[in-house]
Amino acid sequence: MNCFPPQLSWLVRILYDVLLTAKRTDTREVNAICVDLVFAFFLCPALVTPEPYGICDAPISHISSFNLMQIAQILQVLAMSRWETHDPRQSDLYSHFDKEVMSSVVDGILEGGGTEMPPPASCLNSPLSTLIRSSCLIPEARLHSFVAFLNTVLTELLDDDMMRKDLESVIGRLKSSHLSPVPSTSSAISTPNTTKKNLLGRVKNNRCVMFLSVQLLC
């Protein structure tokens, strides 16, 4: 399970342990919940609609979409076959597949086969403290506006301010070759002066806002 997101693996294991510790459901139901979480909410949606997840850039036809839905349904049934019986009328179909292959996917996650380390115990009280984003999707016009705003904030910070040095480092990573020419005024998203002033005031009063902005560009 080296390709499975470590954070999601950790979350599934924590959910599994919490449900078992609560002793409100048996092991069979807990495993079924974990399988449903991994397949119904993560793997199968990416299989049925691969375009939004960046898996492929080719348009998916209606026929292909229907076929992908059928494949996703088969994978879900195979994954749940250890804890739930499938429709007897489809026994001939599922007899061609190994029932343990899909179930072993969740087994590998629960056994902690990866090399990831859980978040420190001191950070568990803060849900946002362990959320780190290495990239984000943003329209280029909004990116231009955001960079312009950061440059405006940069002029308001003192030269010896540590936040200024961090912000200069982040802005410096955005080389001109990475961005298209600045869009025209009609197509660009303009920000009213009052809004800029309000945002600047918020940055001065609360540096956390600035820190989150920097993290989005890191």
Protein backbone atom coordinates (compact mmCIF):
# COMPACT_ATOMS: atom_id res chain seq x y z
CA MET A 1 0.00 0.00 0.00
CA ASN A 2 2.87 2.37 -0.76
CA CYS A 3 0.70 4.43 -3.14
CA PHE A 4 -2.17 4.88 -0.70
CA PRO A 5 -2.21 8.31 1.03
CA PRO A 6 -0.52 7.89 4.43
CA GLN A 7 -2.82 10.41 6.12
CA LEU A 8 -5.92 8.55 4.94
CA SER A 9 -4.42 5.23 6.04
CA TRP A 10 -3.81 6.67 9.48
CA LEU A 11 -7.37 8.03 9.60
CA VAL A 12 -8.88 4.66 8.68
CA ARG A 13 -6.83 2.91 11.38
CA ILE A 14 -7.85 5.48 13.98
CA LEU A 15 -11.51 5.05 13.02
CA TYR A 16 -11.15 1.28 13.26
CA ASP A 17 -9.58 1.46 16.72
CA VAL A 18 -12.14 3.98 18.02
CA LEU A 19 -15.10 1.90 16.86
CA LEU A 20 -13.65 -1.26 18.37
CA THR A 21 -12.87 0.50 21.64
CA ALA A 22 -16.41 1.89 21.87
CA LYS A 23 -17.75 -1.70 21.68
CA ARG A 24 -21.02 -0.53 20.17
CA THR A 25 -20.58 -2.60 17.01
CA ASP A 26 -18.99 -5.95 16.37
CA THR A 27 -15.80 -6.53 14.38
CA ARG A 28 -17.73 -7.45 11.26
CA GLU A 29 -19.58 -4.13 11.13
CA VAL A 30 -16.43 -2.15 11.92
CA ASN A 31 -14.59 -3.79 9.03
CA ALA A 32 -17.56 -3.14 6.75
CA ILE A 33 -17.50 0.55 7.71
CA CYS A 34 -13.79 0.82 6.90
CA VAL A 35 -14.25 -0.95 3.57
CA ASP A 36 -17.13 1.37 2.69
CA LEU A 37 -15.03 4.39 3.63
CA VAL A 38 -12.09 3.38 1.46
CA PHE A 39 -13.99 2.13 -1.59
CA ALA A 40 -17.30 4.04 -1.65
CA PHE A 41 -15.83 7.42 -0.68
CA PHE A 42 -12.30 7.32 -2.10
CA LEU A 43 -11.36 4.69 -4.67
CA CYS A 44 -14.62 4.16 -6.56
CA PRO A 45 -15.49 7.87 -7.02
CA ALA A 46 -12.05 8.38 -8.59
CA LEU A 47 -12.68 5.37 -10.82
CA VAL A 48 -16.13 6.50 -11.97
CA THR A 49 -15.16 10.15 -12.56
CA PRO A 50 -11.40 10.21 -13.16
CA GLU A 51 -11.27 13.65 -14.79
CA PRO A 52 -11.74 15.83 -11.66
CA TYR A 53 -9.04 13.83 -9.87
CA GLY A 54 -6.47 14.35 -12.63
CA ILE A 55 -6.27 10.63 -13.46
CA CYS A 56 -6.99 11.26 -17.13
CA ASP A 57 -7.67 14.28 -19.29
CA ALA A 58 -9.65 12.53 -22.03
CA PRO A 59 -13.43 13.05 -21.98
CA ILE A 60 -15.42 10.09 -20.67
CA SER A 61 -18.32 9.04 -22.89
CA HIS A 62 -21.66 7.90 -21.50
CA ILE A 63 -20.90 4.30 -22.40
CA SER A 64 -17.48 4.44 -20.76
CA SER A 65 -18.96 6.09 -17.70
CA PHE A 66 -21.55 3.32 -17.41
CA ASN A 67 -18.85 0.67 -17.74
CA LEU A 68 -16.76 2.35 -15.06
CA MET A 69 -19.76 2.40 -12.76
CA GLN A 70 -20.21 -1.34 -13.28
CA ILE A 71 -16.52 -1.95 -12.52
CA ALA A 72 -16.74 0.16 -9.37
CA GLN A 73 -19.79 -1.78 -8.23
CA ILE A 74 -17.97 -5.08 -8.78
CA LEU A 75 -14.97 -3.86 -6.78
CA GLN A 76 -17.21 -2.79 -3.90
CA VAL A 77 -19.02 -6.12 -3.82
CA LEU A 78 -15.71 -8.02 -3.88
CA ALA A 79 -14.33 -5.84 -1.10
CA MET A 80 -17.41 -6.52 1.06
CA SER A 81 -17.66 -10.21 0.15
CA ARG A 82 -15.91 -11.27 3.35
CA TRP A 83 -18.60 -9.65 5.51
CA GLU A 84 -21.65 -9.47 3.24
CA THR A 85 -23.08 -11.99 0.80
CA HIS A 86 -23.69 -10.83 -2.74
CA ASP A 87 -26.79 -11.38 -4.83
CA PRO A 88 -27.05 -15.11 -5.67
CA ARG A 89 -28.24 -14.22 -9.16
CA GLN A 90 -24.77 -12.73 -9.83
CA SER A 91 -22.79 -15.66 -8.45
CA ASP A 92 -21.65 -16.65 -11.92
CA LEU A 93 -20.14 -13.20 -12.45
CA TYR A 94 -18.30 -12.96 -9.15
CA SER A 95 -17.06 -16.54 -9.37
CA HIS A 96 -14.51 -15.34 -11.93
CA PHE A 97 -12.79 -13.07 -9.38
CA ASP A 98 -10.67 -13.72 -6.33
CA LYS A 99 -12.74 -12.55 -3.38
CA GLU A 100 -9.73 -11.97 -1.14
CA VAL A 101 -7.89 -9.53 -3.39
CA MET A 102 -10.08 -6.51 -2.68
CA SER A 103 -10.53 -7.36 0.99
CA SER A 104 -6.77 -7.52 1.41
CA VAL A 105 -6.54 -3.84 0.40
CA VAL A 106 -8.26 -2.73 3.60
CA ASP A 107 -6.35 -5.38 5.56
CA GLY A 108 -3.10 -3.81 4.42
CA ILE A 109 -4.30 -0.39 5.54
CA LEU A 110 -5.44 -1.59 8.97
CA GLU A 111 -2.22 -3.49 9.54
CA GLY A 112 -0.22 -0.33 8.94
CA GLY A 113 1.89 -1.65 6.12
CA GLY A 114 3.13 1.83 5.21
CA THR A 115 6.10 3.69 6.66
CA GLU A 116 4.17 6.77 7.65
CA MET A 117 4.22 8.03 11.24
CA PRO A 118 1.05 9.23 13.01
CA PRO A 119 0.80 12.93 13.91
CA PRO A 120 2.37 13.86 17.25
CA ALA A 121 0.07 13.52 20.24
CA SER A 122 0.52 17.22 21.02
CA CYS A 123 -1.05 18.11 17.68
CA LEU A 124 -4.16 15.96 17.91
CA ASN A 125 -6.09 18.64 19.78
CA SER A 126 -5.87 20.96 16.79
CA PRO A 127 -7.49 19.63 13.59
CA LEU A 128 -5.71 22.20 11.41
CA SER A 129 -2.26 21.76 12.92
CA THR A 130 -1.64 18.53 11.00
CA LEU A 131 -3.15 19.71 7.70
CA ILE A 132 -0.38 20.57 5.27
CA ARG A 133 -1.08 21.28 1.62
CA SER A 134 1.79 21.12 -0.85
CA SER A 135 -0.32 22.39 -3.76
CA CYS A 136 -3.65 23.95 -4.61
CA LEU A 137 -5.82 24.61 -7.66
CA ILE A 138 -6.54 28.26 -8.40
CA PRO A 139 -7.48 30.19 -11.57
CA GLU A 140 -4.53 32.17 -12.89
CA ALA A 141 -6.45 35.44 -12.73
CA ARG A 142 -7.06 34.91 -9.02
CA LEU A 143 -3.42 33.92 -8.56
CA HIS A 144 -2.34 37.26 -10.04
CA SER A 145 -4.69 39.05 -7.64
CA PHE A 146 -3.42 37.02 -4.71
CA VAL A 147 0.23 37.71 -5.52
CA ALA A 148 -0.56 41.41 -5.92
CA PHE A 149 -2.20 41.37 -2.50
CA LEU A 150 0.82 39.65 -0.94
CA ASN A 151 3.12 42.27 -2.47
CA THR A 152 0.92 44.96 -0.94
CA VAL A 153 1.14 43.27 2.44
CA LEU A 154 4.91 43.00 2.00
CA THR A 155 5.25 46.78 1.86
CA GLU A 156 3.40 47.09 5.17
CA LEU A 157 5.79 44.82 7.10
CA LEU A 158 8.94 46.01 8.80
CA ASP A 159 12.30 45.13 7.26
CA ASP A 160 13.38 43.08 10.28
CA ASP A 161 10.06 41.26 10.57
CA MET A 162 10.46 37.49 10.27
CA MET A 163 7.11 37.31 8.49
CA ARG A 164 8.46 39.63 5.80
CA LYS A 165 11.42 37.35 5.15
CA ASP A 166 9.17 34.30 4.90
CA LEU A 167 6.80 36.12 2.57
CA GLU A 168 9.65 37.31 0.32
CA SER A 169 10.86 33.72 0.08
CA VAL A 170 7.44 32.47 -0.94
CA ILE A 171 6.85 35.18 -3.54
CA GLY A 172 10.34 34.61 -4.91
CA ARG A 173 9.42 31.05 -5.84
CA LEU A 174 6.84 32.31 -8.31
CA LYS A 175 9.13 33.07 -11.23
CA SER A 176 7.80 35.14 -14.09
CA SER A 177 8.21 32.16 -16.41
CA HIS A 178 5.63 30.26 -14.38
CA LEU A 179 2.91 32.82 -14.97
CA SER A 180 1.30 34.14 -18.10
CA PRO A 181 1.32 37.90 -18.72
CA VAL A 182 -0.91 39.82 -16.38
CA PRO A 183 -4.47 39.71 -17.75
CA SER A 184 -6.23 42.85 -18.88
CA THR A 185 -8.28 44.88 -16.46
CA SER A 186 -11.54 43.69 -18.00
CA SER A 187 -10.69 39.99 -17.58
CA ALA A 188 -8.83 40.21 -14.31
CA ILE A 189 -10.65 39.91 -11.04
CA SER A 190 -10.41 43.30 -9.42
CA THR A 191 -10.42 43.84 -5.68
CA PRO A 192 -11.99 47.04 -4.34
CA ASN A 193 -9.73 49.34 -2.32
CA THR A 194 -11.98 49.00 0.72
CA THR A 195 -11.60 45.24 0.59
CA LYS A 196 -7.82 45.52 0.38
CA LYS A 197 -7.77 47.86 3.36
CA ASN A 198 -9.91 45.49 5.37
CA LEU A 199 -7.67 42.58 4.47
CA LEU A 200 -4.56 44.53 5.37
CA GLY A 201 -6.12 45.38 8.70
CA ARG A 202 -6.83 41.74 9.35
CA VAL A 203 -3.23 40.83 8.54
CA LYS A 204 -1.91 43.38 10.96
CA ASN A 205 -4.27 42.29 13.71
CA ASN A 206 -3.96 38.56 13.16
CA ARG A 207 -0.79 37.09 11.70
CA CYS A 208 -2.44 33.66 11.48
CA VAL A 209 -4.27 34.81 8.36
CA MET A 210 -0.97 35.63 6.75
CA PHE A 211 0.52 32.32 7.80
CA LEU A 212 -2.30 30.37 6.14
CA SER A 213 -1.85 32.39 2.95
CA VAL A 214 1.85 31.56 2.90
CA GLN A 215 1.15 27.86 3.42
CA LEU A 216 -1.11 27.76 0.37
CA LEU A 217 1.77 28.84 -1.84
CA CYS A 218 4.39 26.59 -0.27
